[in-house]
Every structure is written in structure tokens, then in C-alpha cells.
Amino acid sequence: MVSSRLRSFSHSVGSIEIHIVFVTKSRYPVRSGDVELDIIDLIHGICQKHRCLLKEAKGDLVKNDQIHLLIDLAPDVLISTKIREITI
């Protein structure tokens, strides 16, 4: 388990962690594990751009067709906005 540390912002401290599970469309199997690393790198870049921390990313696209993410959000970032940015 990841240790939960508080992040400080201009007028507050806190930690908002969300667990997101992405699955392939219609559970379509992915044949290459390289795709998984590319997706995780892409999501890591999106999180850095929007002041969020990608704390953990684990996936098994070859066998289970899913990726699990643990993201620490800034307090002013909407969860729906973050998911939209990742999926587009």
C-alpha cells in the first residue's frame, strides 16, 4: 500500500486519492505489453500537466484487459474532468 502523504496548496493541505480502472472496449484482448507501458507513460504526462500525482499504475492488458491507476488529485481538479482528459 502507498503511504498517504498530505500535499500542501496555497490555502490548504490534503490528499484526494482516486482509484480508476480502465478496461479495453468490449474486453478486446491486447496482444502486446508494450501498449500498456505507452498508455501509462501518456497518463503520467497528463497528470504532471494538471498538478496531479500518478501514485501507482498497474495493468495487465495481455491477460485481464485492464489498467488500475491510483491518482492523487489537486483539490480544485474535478474527477470527471480528469477522467475525460485521460480518456480523450
N, C-alpha and C. Protein backbone atom coordinates (compact mmCIF):
# COMPACT_ATOMS: atom_id res chain seq x y z
N MET A 1 0.84 -1.18 0.00
CA MET A 1 0.00 0.00 0.00
C MET A 1 0.88 1.24 0.00
N VAL A 2 0.45 2.26 -0.69
CA VAL A 2 1.20 3.50 -0.79
C VAL A 2 0.95 4.34 0.45
N SER A 3 2.02 4.90 1.02
CA SER A 3 1.83 5.76 2.19
C SER A 3 1.15 7.05 1.75
N SER A 4 0.17 7.47 2.50
CA SER A 4 -0.60 8.66 2.15
C SER A 4 0.04 9.88 2.79
N ARG A 5 0.57 10.76 1.97
CA ARG A 5 1.16 12.00 2.46
C ARG A 5 0.26 13.15 2.07
N LEU A 6 0.18 14.13 2.94
CA LEU A 6 -0.61 15.31 2.64
C LEU A 6 0.17 16.22 1.72
N ARG A 7 -0.52 16.80 0.76
CA ARG A 7 0.09 17.77 -0.14
C ARG A 7 -0.36 19.15 0.30
N SER A 8 0.54 20.12 0.23
CA SER A 8 0.17 21.48 0.63
C SER A 8 -0.11 22.31 -0.62
N PHE A 9 -1.16 23.10 -0.51
CA PHE A 9 -1.58 24.01 -1.58
C PHE A 9 -1.58 25.42 -1.00
N SER A 10 -2.05 26.40 -1.75
CA SER A 10 -1.93 27.79 -1.30
C SER A 10 -2.63 28.06 0.03
N HIS A 11 -3.81 27.50 0.26
CA HIS A 11 -4.54 27.77 1.50
C HIS A 11 -5.03 26.50 2.19
N SER A 12 -4.47 25.36 1.82
CA SER A 12 -4.96 24.12 2.41
C SER A 12 -3.92 23.00 2.28
N VAL A 13 -4.18 21.95 3.02
CA VAL A 13 -3.42 20.71 2.86
C VAL A 13 -4.43 19.57 2.73
N GLY A 14 -4.07 18.57 2.00
CA GLY A 14 -5.00 17.46 1.85
C GLY A 14 -4.50 16.42 0.89
N SER A 15 -5.30 15.39 0.76
CA SER A 15 -4.99 14.31 -0.15
C SER A 15 -6.30 13.74 -0.68
N ILE A 16 -6.49 13.83 -1.98
CA ILE A 16 -7.67 13.27 -2.62
C ILE A 16 -7.18 12.20 -3.57
N GLU A 17 -7.33 10.96 -3.17
CA GLU A 17 -6.86 9.85 -3.99
C GLU A 17 -8.04 9.14 -4.63
N ILE A 18 -7.92 8.86 -5.91
CA ILE A 18 -8.96 8.12 -6.60
C ILE A 18 -8.33 6.89 -7.26
N HIS A 19 -9.11 5.83 -7.30
CA HIS A 19 -8.69 4.59 -7.95
C HIS A 19 -9.54 4.45 -9.21
N ILE A 20 -8.88 4.38 -10.36
CA ILE A 20 -9.57 4.28 -11.64
C ILE A 20 -9.15 2.97 -12.30
N VAL A 21 -10.12 2.27 -12.85
CA VAL A 21 -9.83 1.05 -13.60
C VAL A 21 -10.32 1.27 -15.02
N PHE A 22 -9.40 1.16 -15.98
CA PHE A 22 -9.75 1.24 -17.39
C PHE A 22 -9.70 -0.16 -17.97
N VAL A 23 -10.70 -0.48 -18.78
CA VAL A 23 -10.71 -1.76 -19.48
C VAL A 23 -10.80 -1.48 -20.97
N THR A 24 -10.35 -2.44 -21.76
CA THR A 24 -10.43 -2.27 -23.20
C THR A 24 -11.87 -2.39 -23.65
N LYS A 25 -12.19 -1.74 -24.77
CA LYS A 25 -13.55 -1.75 -25.28
C LYS A 25 -13.98 -3.18 -25.59
N SER A 26 -15.12 -3.55 -25.08
CA SER A 26 -15.69 -4.90 -25.24
C SER A 26 -14.74 -5.98 -24.74
N ARG A 27 -13.85 -5.58 -23.81
CA ARG A 27 -12.85 -6.50 -23.24
C ARG A 27 -11.99 -7.13 -24.33
N TYR A 28 -11.75 -6.36 -25.38
CA TYR A 28 -10.95 -6.83 -26.51
C TYR A 28 -9.52 -7.10 -26.04
N PRO A 29 -8.98 -8.29 -26.31
CA PRO A 29 -7.63 -8.61 -25.83
C PRO A 29 -6.55 -7.83 -26.57
N VAL A 30 -5.56 -7.38 -25.82
CA VAL A 30 -4.41 -6.69 -26.39
C VAL A 30 -3.27 -7.69 -26.43
N ARG A 31 -2.61 -7.79 -27.55
CA ARG A 31 -1.58 -8.82 -27.73
C ARG A 31 -0.21 -8.39 -27.25
N SER A 32 0.03 -7.10 -27.11
CA SER A 32 1.37 -6.61 -26.79
C SER A 32 1.38 -5.89 -25.45
N GLY A 33 2.40 -6.19 -24.63
CA GLY A 33 2.56 -5.49 -23.36
C GLY A 33 3.16 -4.11 -23.53
N ASP A 34 3.73 -3.82 -24.72
CA ASP A 34 4.31 -2.50 -24.97
C ASP A 34 3.25 -1.41 -24.96
N VAL A 35 2.04 -1.75 -25.38
CA VAL A 35 0.94 -0.78 -25.39
C VAL A 35 0.66 -0.31 -23.97
N GLU A 36 0.72 -1.23 -23.03
CA GLU A 36 0.46 -0.91 -21.62
C GLU A 36 1.44 0.15 -21.11
N LEU A 37 2.72 -0.01 -21.39
CA LEU A 37 3.72 0.96 -20.95
C LEU A 37 3.51 2.32 -21.61
N ASP A 38 3.13 2.33 -22.88
CA ASP A 38 2.87 3.59 -23.58
C ASP A 38 1.68 4.32 -22.96
N ILE A 39 0.64 3.58 -22.61
CA ILE A 39 -0.55 4.18 -22.00
C ILE A 39 -0.21 4.76 -20.64
N ILE A 40 0.54 4.03 -19.83
CA ILE A 40 0.92 4.51 -18.50
C ILE A 40 1.79 5.76 -18.61
N ASP A 41 2.73 5.79 -19.56
CA ASP A 41 3.56 6.98 -19.77
C ASP A 41 2.72 8.18 -20.19
N LEU A 42 1.74 7.95 -21.05
CA LEU A 42 0.86 9.02 -21.51
C LEU A 42 0.04 9.58 -20.34
N ILE A 43 -0.52 8.70 -19.52
CA ILE A 43 -1.31 9.14 -18.36
C ILE A 43 -0.44 9.87 -17.35
N HIS A 44 0.80 9.41 -17.16
CA HIS A 44 1.73 10.09 -16.26
C HIS A 44 1.98 11.53 -16.73
N GLY A 45 2.16 11.73 -18.02
CA GLY A 45 2.35 13.07 -18.57
C GLY A 45 1.14 13.96 -18.38
N ILE A 46 -0.06 13.41 -18.57
CA ILE A 46 -1.29 14.18 -18.37
C ILE A 46 -1.41 14.60 -16.92
N CYS A 47 -1.10 13.70 -16.00
CA CYS A 47 -1.18 14.03 -14.57
C CYS A 47 -0.19 15.13 -14.19
N GLN A 48 1.02 15.06 -14.69
CA GLN A 48 2.01 16.10 -14.39
C GLN A 48 1.55 17.46 -14.91
N LYS A 49 0.96 17.46 -16.09
CA LYS A 49 0.50 18.71 -16.71
C LYS A 49 -0.60 19.38 -15.88
N HIS A 50 -1.39 18.60 -15.18
CA HIS A 50 -2.55 19.14 -14.46
C HIS A 50 -2.42 19.02 -12.94
N ARG A 51 -1.20 19.09 -12.42
CA ARG A 51 -0.93 19.14 -10.98
C ARG A 51 -1.50 17.95 -10.21
N CYS A 52 -1.45 16.79 -10.78
CA CYS A 52 -1.88 15.57 -10.11
C CYS A 52 -0.71 14.61 -10.08
N LEU A 53 -0.74 13.70 -9.12
CA LEU A 53 0.32 12.71 -9.00
C LEU A 53 -0.21 11.33 -9.35
N LEU A 54 0.47 10.66 -10.25
CA LEU A 54 0.16 9.27 -10.54
C LEU A 54 0.96 8.44 -9.55
N LYS A 55 0.29 7.99 -8.48
CA LYS A 55 0.99 7.28 -7.41
C LYS A 55 1.30 5.84 -7.78
N GLU A 56 0.37 5.18 -8.43
CA GLU A 56 0.58 3.79 -8.84
C GLU A 56 -0.14 3.54 -10.14
N ALA A 57 0.45 2.71 -10.96
CA ALA A 57 -0.18 2.29 -12.21
C ALA A 57 0.22 0.84 -12.45
N LYS A 58 -0.77 -0.01 -12.44
CA LYS A 58 -0.52 -1.44 -12.69
C LYS A 58 -1.54 -1.92 -13.70
N GLY A 59 -1.08 -2.73 -14.57
CA GLY A 59 -2.01 -3.23 -15.56
C GLY A 59 -1.60 -4.59 -16.07
N ASP A 60 -2.55 -5.21 -16.69
CA ASP A 60 -2.31 -6.48 -17.34
C ASP A 60 -3.22 -6.53 -18.56
N LEU A 61 -2.82 -5.80 -19.59
CA LEU A 61 -3.65 -5.75 -20.78
C LEU A 61 -3.63 -7.06 -21.56
N VAL A 62 -2.57 -7.83 -21.42
CA VAL A 62 -2.47 -9.06 -22.19
C VAL A 62 -3.43 -10.12 -21.65
N LYS A 63 -3.55 -10.26 -20.32
CA LYS A 63 -4.40 -11.30 -19.73
C LYS A 63 -5.76 -10.78 -19.28
N ASN A 64 -5.79 -9.65 -18.57
CA ASN A 64 -7.03 -9.18 -17.96
C ASN A 64 -7.66 -7.98 -18.65
N ASP A 65 -7.00 -7.41 -19.63
CA ASP A 65 -7.54 -6.29 -20.40
C ASP A 65 -7.89 -5.09 -19.53
N GLN A 66 -7.06 -4.78 -18.53
CA GLN A 66 -7.36 -3.64 -17.65
C GLN A 66 -6.10 -2.99 -17.12
N ILE A 67 -6.24 -1.71 -16.75
CA ILE A 67 -5.17 -0.95 -16.12
C ILE A 67 -5.77 -0.28 -14.88
N HIS A 68 -5.09 -0.40 -13.74
CA HIS A 68 -5.50 0.23 -12.49
C HIS A 68 -4.60 1.44 -12.25
N LEU A 69 -5.21 2.56 -11.88
CA LEU A 69 -4.47 3.79 -11.59
C LEU A 69 -4.84 4.29 -10.21
N LEU A 70 -3.86 4.78 -9.47
CA LEU A 70 -4.10 5.47 -8.22
C LEU A 70 -3.56 6.88 -8.41
N ILE A 71 -4.47 7.85 -8.41
CA ILE A 71 -4.12 9.24 -8.72
C ILE A 71 -4.45 10.12 -7.52
N ASP A 72 -3.51 10.99 -7.16
CA ASP A 72 -3.70 11.98 -6.11
C ASP A 72 -4.04 13.30 -6.80
N LEU A 73 -5.28 13.76 -6.63
CA LEU A 73 -5.76 14.96 -7.30
C LEU A 73 -5.50 16.22 -6.49
N ALA A 74 -5.34 17.32 -7.18
CA ALA A 74 -5.34 18.63 -6.52
C ALA A 74 -6.79 18.94 -6.14
N PRO A 75 -7.02 19.73 -5.08
CA PRO A 75 -8.39 19.95 -4.62
C PRO A 75 -9.28 20.70 -5.61
N ASP A 76 -8.69 21.44 -6.53
CA ASP A 76 -9.51 22.20 -7.48
C ASP A 76 -9.74 21.47 -8.80
N VAL A 77 -9.31 20.22 -8.89
CA VAL A 77 -9.49 19.42 -10.11
C VAL A 77 -10.72 18.53 -9.94
N LEU A 78 -11.64 18.61 -10.88
CA LEU A 78 -12.82 17.76 -10.84
C LEU A 78 -12.47 16.36 -11.33
N ILE A 79 -13.02 15.36 -10.66
CA ILE A 79 -12.75 13.97 -11.04
C ILE A 79 -13.22 13.72 -12.47
N SER A 80 -14.41 14.21 -12.81
CA SER A 80 -14.94 13.99 -14.15
C SER A 80 -14.06 14.63 -15.22
N THR A 81 -13.50 15.79 -14.92
CA THR A 81 -12.61 16.46 -15.86
C THR A 81 -11.34 15.65 -16.05
N LYS A 82 -10.79 15.13 -14.97
CA LYS A 82 -9.55 14.35 -15.06
C LYS A 82 -9.77 13.08 -15.87
N ILE A 83 -10.87 12.39 -15.65
CA ILE A 83 -11.13 11.16 -16.41
C ILE A 83 -11.34 11.49 -17.88
N ARG A 84 -12.03 12.59 -18.19
CA ARG A 84 -12.23 12.99 -19.57
C ARG A 84 -10.89 13.28 -20.26
N GLU A 85 -9.98 13.96 -19.56
CA GLU A 85 -8.67 14.27 -20.13
C GLU A 85 -7.87 13.00 -20.41
N ILE A 86 -7.99 12.02 -19.54
CA ILE A 86 -7.24 10.78 -19.73
C ILE A 86 -7.82 9.95 -20.87
N THR A 87 -9.14 9.92 -21.00
CA THR A 87 -9.75 9.04 -22.00
C THR A 87 -9.78 9.63 -23.40
N ILE A 88 -9.61 10.92 -23.54
CA ILE A 88 -9.65 11.54 -24.88
C ILE A 88 -8.30 11.47 -25.52
